[in-house]
Amino acid sequence: MKIALIQICSELNPAPNMEKIQNFINLAKKQDDIEAVFLPEVFYSMSDGTEATPYLVDKGNEHYKVIQKLAKDNSVYLIGGSAATNLDGRVINRAWNFDPSGNDMGHYDKMHLFAVDLSKTSNKTVIDEATVYTPGSSPKLLNVGDWKVGLGICFDLRFPELFRYYHEQGANLLTMASAFTVPTGKAHWETLLRARAIENQSYVVAAGQWGEHNEKIKTYGHSMVIDPWGEVIADLGEGEGYTVVDLDLSKVEEFRARMKVKPKFGISL
């Protein structure tokens, strides 16, 4: 499956964000016949983390239709990017997924909410997503042709039991739509992504935000694709951009045939 991985610096206003994404999709399609596009966390609208964006997606509303149209107009699977979403008056961080005809494939709501206190450092950043978002409660596995895709969002990366659950359910591709901050990105991003790939013998596709979004949030970038052996096969580094990667399902089968990895204890989510 040929995929496009897109990295942008989202702002609060959705229009410039969607324009940039469409431009990168156009470039990717000129390069190759892509089947799926992977987007970062809160790609649609990035707030400063102290309150929710006013541009909340709700199923069927204008913001929902803009995202849906991106998949349909480009005839691609749109997988794993998240947007702040209204759910009965609560705000959730939801990964929306659409097939090439614009059909809703189901969603995943971020279960593990991020909190950081750098008030005693020169950075001064304090973020607690629990003051803005309500956490999700259920994993989500998508069927995309022969691929089984397990969805995660950013801070979920630090909770390996979620991805072991996906492995047990037959996942061969794990996603991580993210907006990793710069300090934690430098320290842990690649290490954790490679660990999730290795321990689950799965591809990991991690589309991240990059840049200075507002006075409070600066993100790390380095969107990556990692193969089931833990090798980084794409790294977008710093700056906005895209890359096209050809995922090979036979690689998953090859590595799993070489080394059988079975958990000692069952996990129930």
Protein backbone atom coordinates (compact mmCIF):
# COMPACT_ATOMS: atom_id res chain seq x y z
CA MET A 1 0.00 0.00 0.00
CA LYS A 2 1.42 3.36 -1.02
CA ILE A 3 0.79 6.02 1.58
CA ALA A 4 1.44 9.73 1.98
CA LEU A 5 2.60 10.98 5.36
CA ILE A 6 1.93 14.70 5.91
CA GLN A 7 3.53 17.03 8.46
CA ILE A 8 2.25 20.58 8.97
CA CYS A 9 2.21 23.40 11.52
CA SER A 10 -1.51 23.72 12.19
CA GLU A 11 -2.98 26.98 13.40
CA LEU A 12 -6.33 27.78 14.97
CA ASN A 13 -8.03 28.70 11.68
CA PRO A 14 -8.84 25.47 9.77
CA ALA A 15 -8.75 26.99 6.27
CA PRO A 16 -4.94 27.41 5.93
CA ASN A 17 -4.40 23.98 7.47
CA MET A 18 -6.65 22.26 4.96
CA GLU A 19 -5.13 24.22 2.09
CA LYS A 20 -1.63 23.04 3.05
CA ILE A 21 -2.80 19.44 3.36
CA GLN A 22 -4.45 19.54 -0.05
CA ASN A 23 -1.30 21.01 -1.61
CA PHE A 24 0.81 18.20 -0.17
CA ILE A 25 -1.68 15.58 -1.36
CA ASN A 26 -1.47 17.08 -4.84
CA LEU A 27 2.32 16.81 -4.79
CA ALA A 28 2.19 13.26 -3.45
CA LYS A 29 -0.25 12.18 -6.17
CA LYS A 30 2.00 13.65 -8.84
CA GLN A 31 4.85 11.56 -7.43
CA ASP A 32 2.96 8.27 -7.12
CA ASP A 33 -0.44 6.60 -7.07
CA ILE A 34 -1.11 6.89 -3.35
CA GLU A 35 -3.89 4.93 -1.68
CA ALA A 36 -3.95 6.41 1.82
CA VAL A 37 -3.07 9.66 3.59
CA PHE A 38 -2.01 9.89 7.23
CA LEU A 39 -2.41 13.21 9.06
CA PRO A 40 -1.21 14.59 12.43
CA GLU A 41 -3.09 15.10 15.67
CA VAL A 42 -5.45 18.12 15.69
CA PHE A 43 -4.59 18.79 12.04
CA TYR A 44 -7.87 20.63 11.49
CA SER A 45 -7.45 23.30 14.18
CA MET A 46 -4.74 23.73 16.84
CA SER A 47 -5.67 25.61 20.01
CA ASP A 48 -3.18 26.74 22.67
CA GLY A 49 -4.07 23.82 24.96
CA THR A 50 -5.82 25.92 27.61
CA GLU A 51 -9.23 25.69 25.95
CA ALA A 52 -10.83 23.91 23.03
CA THR A 53 -10.80 25.27 19.52
CA PRO A 54 -14.07 26.97 18.53
CA TYR A 55 -13.99 24.93 15.31
CA LEU A 56 -15.36 21.71 16.78
CA VAL A 57 -16.22 18.81 14.50
CA ASP A 58 -19.59 17.19 15.01
CA LYS A 59 -20.77 14.34 12.80
CA GLY A 60 -22.44 15.86 9.77
CA ASN A 61 -21.57 19.49 10.52
CA GLU A 62 -19.61 21.78 8.18
CA HIS A 63 -16.23 20.84 9.68
CA TYR A 64 -16.98 17.14 9.40
CA LYS A 65 -17.91 17.60 5.75
CA VAL A 66 -14.67 19.46 4.98
CA ILE A 67 -12.62 16.53 6.31
CA GLN A 68 -14.83 13.96 4.60
CA LYS A 69 -14.51 15.85 1.31
CA LEU A 70 -10.71 15.64 1.50
CA ALA A 71 -10.91 11.85 1.27
CA LYS A 72 -13.61 11.80 -1.40
CA ASP A 73 -12.12 14.49 -3.67
CA ASN A 74 -8.73 12.79 -3.64
CA SER A 75 -10.04 9.18 -3.76
CA VAL A 76 -7.83 8.14 -0.84
CA TYR A 77 -8.24 6.55 2.55
CA LEU A 78 -7.89 9.30 5.15
CA ILE A 79 -6.59 7.63 8.28
CA GLY A 80 -5.64 8.51 11.78
CA GLY A 81 -5.51 12.32 11.87
CA SER A 82 -7.47 13.78 14.77
CA ALA A 83 -9.69 16.80 15.32
CA ALA A 84 -11.32 18.28 18.41
CA THR A 85 -14.89 16.99 18.36
CA ASN A 86 -18.11 17.81 20.17
CA LEU A 87 -19.85 14.85 21.79
CA ASP A 88 -22.98 15.79 23.69
CA GLY A 89 -21.37 18.94 25.05
CA ARG A 90 -18.06 17.28 25.88
CA VAL A 91 -14.89 17.78 23.81
CA ILE A 92 -12.98 14.71 22.67
CA ASN A 93 -9.83 14.30 20.59
CA ARG A 94 -11.15 12.07 17.81
CA ALA A 95 -9.35 10.35 14.94
CA TRP A 96 -11.72 10.44 11.96
CA ASN A 97 -11.31 7.91 9.15
CA PHE A 98 -12.84 7.90 5.68
CA ASP A 99 -12.58 5.60 2.68
CA PRO A 100 -11.92 6.87 -0.89
CA SER A 101 -15.66 7.38 -1.46
CA GLY A 102 -16.00 9.50 1.67
CA ASN A 103 -17.71 6.80 3.73
CA ASP A 104 -17.12 7.09 7.47
CA MET A 105 -15.02 4.09 8.62
CA GLY A 106 -15.45 4.73 12.31
CA HIS A 107 -13.40 6.70 14.80
CA TYR A 108 -11.00 6.45 17.71
CA ASP A 109 -11.08 8.80 20.72
CA LYS A 110 -7.77 9.47 22.46
CA MET A 111 -7.75 7.49 25.69
CA HIS A 112 -4.58 8.76 27.39
CA LEU A 113 -4.53 12.52 27.92
CA PHE A 114 -1.26 14.44 28.05
CA ALA A 115 -0.12 16.56 31.00
CA VAL A 116 3.17 18.44 31.41
CA ASP A 117 4.36 21.07 33.88
CA LEU A 118 7.45 23.00 32.79
CA SER A 119 6.58 26.08 34.84
CA LYS A 120 9.88 25.87 36.75
CA THR A 121 11.96 25.76 33.56
CA SER A 122 12.77 28.44 30.98
CA ASN A 123 10.06 26.90 28.76
CA LYS A 124 7.26 27.81 31.25
CA THR A 125 4.80 25.53 29.42
CA VAL A 126 1.96 23.99 31.42
CA ILE A 127 -0.49 21.74 29.56
CA ASP A 128 -3.17 19.48 31.01
CA GLU A 129 -5.42 18.03 28.31
CA ALA A 130 -7.87 16.82 30.95
CA THR A 131 -8.98 20.43 31.45
CA VAL A 132 -10.09 20.51 27.81
CA TYR A 133 -10.82 16.97 26.68
CA THR A 134 -12.78 13.97 27.90
CA PRO A 135 -10.83 10.74 27.35
CA GLY A 136 -12.05 7.97 25.08
CA SER A 137 -12.64 4.46 26.34
CA SER A 138 -12.29 2.02 23.43
CA PRO A 139 -9.57 0.93 20.98
CA LYS A 140 -10.33 1.02 17.25
CA LEU A 141 -9.12 -1.33 14.53
CA LEU A 142 -9.75 -0.53 10.86
CA ASN A 143 -9.79 -2.88 7.87
CA VAL A 144 -8.08 -1.25 4.89
CA GLY A 145 -7.85 -3.93 2.22
CA ASP A 146 -5.49 -6.59 3.59
CA TRP A 147 -4.25 -4.22 6.27
CA LYS A 148 -5.55 -4.13 9.83
CA VAL A 149 -4.84 -0.72 11.30
CA GLY A 150 -4.72 -0.03 15.04
CA LEU A 151 -5.27 3.62 15.92
CA GLY A 152 -3.47 5.68 18.54
CA ILE A 153 -3.02 9.39 19.24
CA CYS A 154 0.15 10.99 20.62
CA PHE A 155 0.36 10.28 24.39
CA ASP A 156 -1.13 6.82 23.76
CA LEU A 157 2.36 5.95 22.49
CA ARG A 158 3.56 5.60 26.08
CA PHE A 159 1.05 2.83 26.85
CA PRO A 160 2.25 -0.37 25.17
CA GLU A 161 -0.71 -2.45 26.35
CA LEU A 162 -2.96 -0.66 23.84
CA PHE A 163 -0.76 -1.72 20.93
CA ARG A 164 -0.30 -5.24 22.27
CA TYR A 165 -4.10 -5.48 22.24
CA TYR A 166 -4.10 -4.43 18.59
CA HIS A 167 -1.42 -7.05 17.83
CA GLU A 168 -3.56 -9.74 19.44
CA GLN A 169 -6.47 -8.62 17.25
CA GLY A 170 -4.38 -9.11 14.11
CA ALA A 171 -3.12 -5.56 13.49
CA ASN A 172 -0.17 -5.25 11.11
CA LEU A 173 -0.05 -1.43 11.00
CA LEU A 174 -0.19 0.95 13.97
CA THR A 175 -0.82 4.69 13.67
CA MET A 176 0.23 7.54 15.92
CA ALA A 177 -1.24 10.89 14.91
CA SER A 178 0.75 13.23 17.13
CA ALA A 179 1.67 16.71 18.31
CA PHE A 180 4.69 15.80 20.43
CA THR A 181 6.24 18.74 22.25
CA VAL A 182 9.90 19.51 21.51
CA PRO A 183 11.52 18.35 24.81
CA THR A 184 9.71 15.01 24.95
CA GLY A 185 10.09 14.58 21.20
CA LYS A 186 13.86 14.90 21.37
CA ALA A 187 14.05 12.55 24.33
CA HIS A 188 11.56 9.79 23.54
CA TRP A 189 9.74 10.03 20.18
CA GLU A 190 11.86 7.78 17.97
CA THR A 191 12.70 5.37 20.79
CA LEU A 192 9.05 4.75 21.66
CA LEU A 193 7.94 4.47 18.03
CA ARG A 194 10.63 1.90 17.28
CA ALA A 195 9.73 -0.03 20.43
CA ARG A 196 6.06 -0.25 19.42
CA ALA A 197 7.09 -1.51 15.96
CA ILE A 198 9.55 -4.08 17.27
CA GLU A 199 7.44 -5.55 20.06
CA ASN A 200 4.38 -5.87 17.80
CA GLN A 201 6.22 -6.73 14.55
CA SER A 202 4.10 -4.14 12.80
CA TYR A 203 4.58 -1.08 10.67
CA VAL A 204 4.20 2.17 12.63
CA VAL A 205 3.01 5.27 10.77
CA ALA A 206 3.36 8.39 12.90
CA ALA A 207 2.27 11.70 11.38
CA GLY A 208 3.27 14.60 13.61
CA GLN A 209 2.85 18.32 13.92
CA TRP A 210 5.90 20.55 13.59
CA GLY A 211 6.67 24.14 14.52
CA GLU A 212 5.55 27.03 16.69
CA HIS A 213 1.75 26.99 16.65
CA ASN A 214 1.13 29.74 19.18
CA GLU A 215 2.73 31.22 22.30
CA LYS A 216 2.21 28.04 24.30
CA ILE A 217 2.78 25.11 21.93
CA LYS A 218 5.84 24.17 19.90
CA THR A 219 6.00 20.68 18.39
CA TYR A 220 8.83 18.39 17.39
CA GLY A 221 7.99 17.11 13.90
CA HIS A 222 9.99 14.10 12.69
CA SER A 223 6.95 12.26 11.34
CA MET A 224 8.11 8.70 10.77
CA VAL A 225 7.37 5.38 9.16
CA ILE A 226 9.01 2.42 10.86
CA ASP A 227 9.08 -1.13 9.55
CA PRO A 228 8.31 -4.29 11.60
CA TRP A 229 12.05 -4.79 12.31
CA GLY A 230 12.23 -1.37 13.93
CA GLU A 231 14.05 0.36 11.08
CA VAL A 232 13.15 3.98 10.34
CA ILE A 233 12.29 4.03 6.63
CA ALA A 234 11.03 7.64 6.53
CA ASP A 235 11.68 10.68 8.72
CA LEU A 236 10.33 14.10 7.74
CA GLY A 237 12.63 15.88 10.19
CA GLU A 238 11.83 19.55 10.76
CA GLY A 239 9.62 21.74 8.60
CA GLU A 240 6.33 21.17 6.86
CA GLY A 241 6.29 18.52 4.16
CA TYR A 242 5.26 15.09 2.99
CA THR A 243 6.72 11.78 1.92
CA VAL A 244 5.40 8.79 -0.01
CA VAL A 245 6.17 5.31 1.34
CA ASP A 246 5.32 1.88 -0.05
CA LEU A 247 4.30 -0.47 2.78
CA ASP A 248 4.95 -4.14 2.07
CA LEU A 249 2.65 -6.59 3.86
CA SER A 250 5.01 -9.47 3.08
CA LYS A 251 7.58 -7.84 5.38
CA VAL A 252 5.22 -8.20 8.32
CA GLU A 253 4.65 -11.85 7.47
CA GLU A 254 8.38 -12.43 7.00
CA PHE A 255 9.40 -10.98 10.37
CA ARG A 256 6.58 -12.71 12.21
CA ALA A 257 7.52 -16.04 10.66
CA ARG A 258 11.12 -15.58 11.83
CA MET A 259 10.29 -14.69 15.41
CA LYS A 260 7.14 -15.73 17.22
CA VAL A 261 6.11 -13.12 19.77
CA LYS A 262 3.31 -14.16 22.08
CA PRO A 263 2.38 -12.34 25.31
CA LYS A 264 2.59 -14.39 28.49
CA PHE A 265 -0.51 -12.82 29.95
CA GLY A 266 -3.74 -11.88 28.17
CA ILE A 267 -4.86 -8.27 28.12
CA SER A 268 -8.44 -7.11 28.19
CA LEU A 269 -9.35 -3.57 27.12
